[in-house]
Amino acid sequence: MDLKTVFSQNKKCPVREIGEGLVILAPSGDTTHSLEDIGAFIWNQIDGQKDLQGVLDAILDAYDVENDTAKDDLFQFVSQMQTTGLILEM
């Protein structure tokens, strides 16, 4: 995975907005994942068209965070979401 990688939300995962966060049902149907604030923000940026550089740029525009910290956190978050099947590499 690098900053040119593009991901999409897994359409088999139902999503429900709860307040300012999201609850996403895993594709297996037996686990839910709660996303708050930055997690929900990243989820909404993952659209199947924007690469991770575009997502990183959006994070840097919206939040007061250092580039290296945001990049490391983004890669960790995306890796977890991919492992759980919530997002798919294009």
C-alpha atoms as a PDB file:
ATOM      1  CA  MET A   1       0.000   0.000   0.000  1.00  0.00           C
ATOM      2  CA  ASP A   2       1.240   3.472  -0.865  1.00  0.00           C
ATOM      3  CA  LEU A   3      -0.247   6.921  -1.337  1.00  0.00           C
ATOM      4  CA  LYS A   4      -1.312   6.068  -4.905  1.00  0.00           C
ATOM      5  CA  THR A   5      -3.513   3.189  -3.722  1.00  0.00           C
ATOM      6  CA  VAL A   6      -7.252   3.685  -4.195  1.00  0.00           C
ATOM      7  CA  PHE A   7      -9.830   2.055  -1.936  1.00  0.00           C
ATOM      8  CA  SER A   8     -13.597   1.894  -2.032  1.00  0.00           C
ATOM      9  CA  GLN A   9     -16.131   1.272   0.678  1.00  0.00           C
ATOM     10  CA  ASN A  10     -17.373  -2.322   0.657  1.00  0.00           C
ATOM     11  CA  LYS A  11     -20.960  -1.997  -0.583  1.00  0.00           C
ATOM     12  CA  LYS A  12     -21.853  -5.186   1.333  1.00  0.00           C
ATOM     13  CA  CYS A  13     -21.398  -3.301   4.606  1.00  0.00           C
ATOM     14  CA  PRO A  14     -24.503  -1.452   5.796  1.00  0.00           C
ATOM     15  CA  VAL A  15     -23.695   1.932   7.339  1.00  0.00           C
ATOM     16  CA  ARG A  16     -25.774   3.923   9.791  1.00  0.00           C
ATOM     17  CA  GLU A  17     -25.098   7.455  10.983  1.00  0.00           C
ATOM     18  CA  ILE A  18     -25.301   7.801  14.749  1.00  0.00           C
ATOM     19  CA  GLY A  19     -24.850  11.414  15.825  1.00  0.00           C
ATOM     20  CA  GLU A  20     -21.591  12.560  14.269  1.00  0.00           C
ATOM     21  CA  GLY A  21     -20.241   9.028  13.945  1.00  0.00           C
ATOM     22  CA  LEU A  22     -20.928   5.911  11.938  1.00  0.00           C
ATOM     23  CA  VAL A  23     -21.699   2.293  12.735  1.00  0.00           C
ATOM     24  CA  ILE A  24     -20.702  -0.158  10.007  1.00  0.00           C
ATOM     25  CA  LEU A  25     -21.723  -3.812   9.879  1.00  0.00           C
ATOM     26  CA  ALA A  26     -18.899  -6.099   8.751  1.00  0.00           C
ATOM     27  CA  PRO A  27     -19.509  -8.164   5.600  1.00  0.00           C
ATOM     28  CA  SER A  28     -19.743 -11.310   7.748  1.00  0.00           C
ATOM     29  CA  GLY A  29     -22.768  -9.741   9.451  1.00  0.00           C
ATOM     30  CA  ASP A  30     -21.597 -10.567  12.965  1.00  0.00           C
ATOM     31  CA  THR A  31     -19.481  -7.554  13.910  1.00  0.00           C
ATOM     32  CA  THR A  32     -20.107  -3.832  14.004  1.00  0.00           C
ATOM     33  CA  HIS A  33     -17.467  -1.123  13.840  1.00  0.00           C
ATOM     34  CA  SER A  34     -17.997   2.332  15.313  1.00  0.00           C
ATOM     35  CA  LEU A  35     -16.241   5.282  13.722  1.00  0.00           C
ATOM     36  CA  GLU A  36     -16.083   8.665  15.384  1.00  0.00           C
ATOM     37  CA  ASP A  37     -14.757  11.999  14.166  1.00  0.00           C
ATOM     38  CA  ILE A  38     -11.612  11.357  12.101  1.00  0.00           C
ATOM     39  CA  GLY A  39     -12.552   7.724  11.400  1.00  0.00           C
ATOM     40  CA  ALA A  40     -15.912   8.775   9.984  1.00  0.00           C
ATOM     41  CA  PHE A  41     -14.169  11.558   8.061  1.00  0.00           C
ATOM     42  CA  ILE A  42     -11.751   9.089   6.466  1.00  0.00           C
ATOM     43  CA  TRP A  43     -14.585   6.668   5.675  1.00  0.00           C
ATOM     44  CA  ASN A  44     -16.385   9.408   3.787  1.00  0.00           C
ATOM     45  CA  GLN A  45     -13.203  10.238   1.844  1.00  0.00           C
ATOM     46  CA  ILE A  46     -12.795   6.638   0.649  1.00  0.00           C
ATOM     47  CA  ASP A  47     -14.878   6.790  -2.507  1.00  0.00           C
ATOM     48  CA  GLY A  48     -13.227   4.460  -5.015  1.00  0.00           C
ATOM     49  CA  GLN A  49     -11.771   7.399  -6.942  1.00  0.00           C
ATOM     50  CA  LYS A  50      -9.554   9.325  -4.542  1.00  0.00           C
ATOM     51  CA  ASP A  51      -6.147   7.801  -3.818  1.00  0.00           C
ATOM     52  CA  LEU A  52      -4.670   7.807  -0.326  1.00  0.00           C
ATOM     53  CA  GLN A  53      -2.722  10.978  -1.145  1.00  0.00           C
ATOM     54  CA  GLY A  54      -6.066  12.690  -1.748  1.00  0.00           C
ATOM     55  CA  VAL A  55      -7.392  11.351   1.555  1.00  0.00           C
ATOM     56  CA  LEU A  56      -4.226  12.504   3.332  1.00  0.00           C
ATOM     57  CA  ASP A  57      -4.532  15.955   1.779  1.00  0.00           C
ATOM     58  CA  ALA A  58      -8.145  16.189   2.978  1.00  0.00           C
ATOM     59  CA  ILE A  59      -7.072  15.218   6.510  1.00  0.00           C
ATOM     60  CA  LEU A  60      -4.315  17.827   6.513  1.00  0.00           C
ATOM     61  CA  ASP A  61      -6.789  20.475   5.322  1.00  0.00           C
ATOM     62  CA  ALA A  62      -9.413  19.599   7.936  1.00  0.00           C
ATOM     63  CA  TYR A  63      -7.294  18.808  11.013  1.00  0.00           C
ATOM     64  CA  ASP A  64      -4.325  20.343  12.796  1.00  0.00           C
ATOM     65  CA  VAL A  65      -1.905  17.425  12.471  1.00  0.00           C
ATOM     66  CA  GLU A  66       1.628  16.883  11.211  1.00  0.00           C
ATOM     67  CA  ASN A  67       1.985  15.247   7.791  1.00  0.00           C
ATOM     68  CA  ASP A  68       4.023  12.245   9.023  1.00  0.00           C
ATOM     69  CA  THR A  69       1.652  11.584  11.922  1.00  0.00           C
ATOM     70  CA  ALA A  70      -1.409  11.805   9.661  1.00  0.00           C
ATOM     71  CA  LYS A  71       0.195   9.520   7.067  1.00  0.00           C
ATOM     72  CA  ASP A  72       1.173   6.868   9.632  1.00  0.00           C
ATOM     73  CA  ASP A  73      -2.265   6.972  11.263  1.00  0.00           C
ATOM     74  CA  LEU A  74      -4.001   6.825   7.868  1.00  0.00           C
ATOM     75  CA  PHE A  75      -2.018   3.750   6.800  1.00  0.00           C
ATOM     76  CA  GLN A  76      -2.758   2.020  10.110  1.00  0.00           C
ATOM     77  CA  PHE A  77      -6.467   2.855   9.919  1.00  0.00           C
ATOM     78  CA  VAL A  78      -6.795   1.781   6.266  1.00  0.00           C
ATOM     79  CA  SER A  79      -4.932  -1.452   6.982  1.00  0.00           C
ATOM     80  CA  GLN A  80      -7.370  -2.296   9.791  1.00  0.00           C
ATOM     81  CA  MET A  81     -10.375  -1.428   7.627  1.00  0.00           C
ATOM     82  CA  GLN A  82      -9.038  -3.588   4.791  1.00  0.00           C
ATOM     83  CA  THR A  83      -8.346  -6.506   7.146  1.00  0.00           C
ATOM     84  CA  THR A  84     -11.916  -6.400   8.467  1.00  0.00           C
ATOM     85  CA  GLY A  85     -13.323  -6.211   4.916  1.00  0.00           C
ATOM     86  CA  LEU A  86     -14.885  -2.770   5.304  1.00  0.00           C
ATOM     87  CA  ILE A  87     -12.919  -1.351   2.371  1.00  0.00           C
ATOM     88  CA  LEU A  88     -11.586  -2.912  -0.823  1.00  0.00           C
ATOM     89  CA  GLU A  89      -8.511  -2.039  -2.844  1.00  0.00           C
ATOM     90  CA  MET A  90      -9.388  -0.949  -6.365  1.00  0.00           C
END
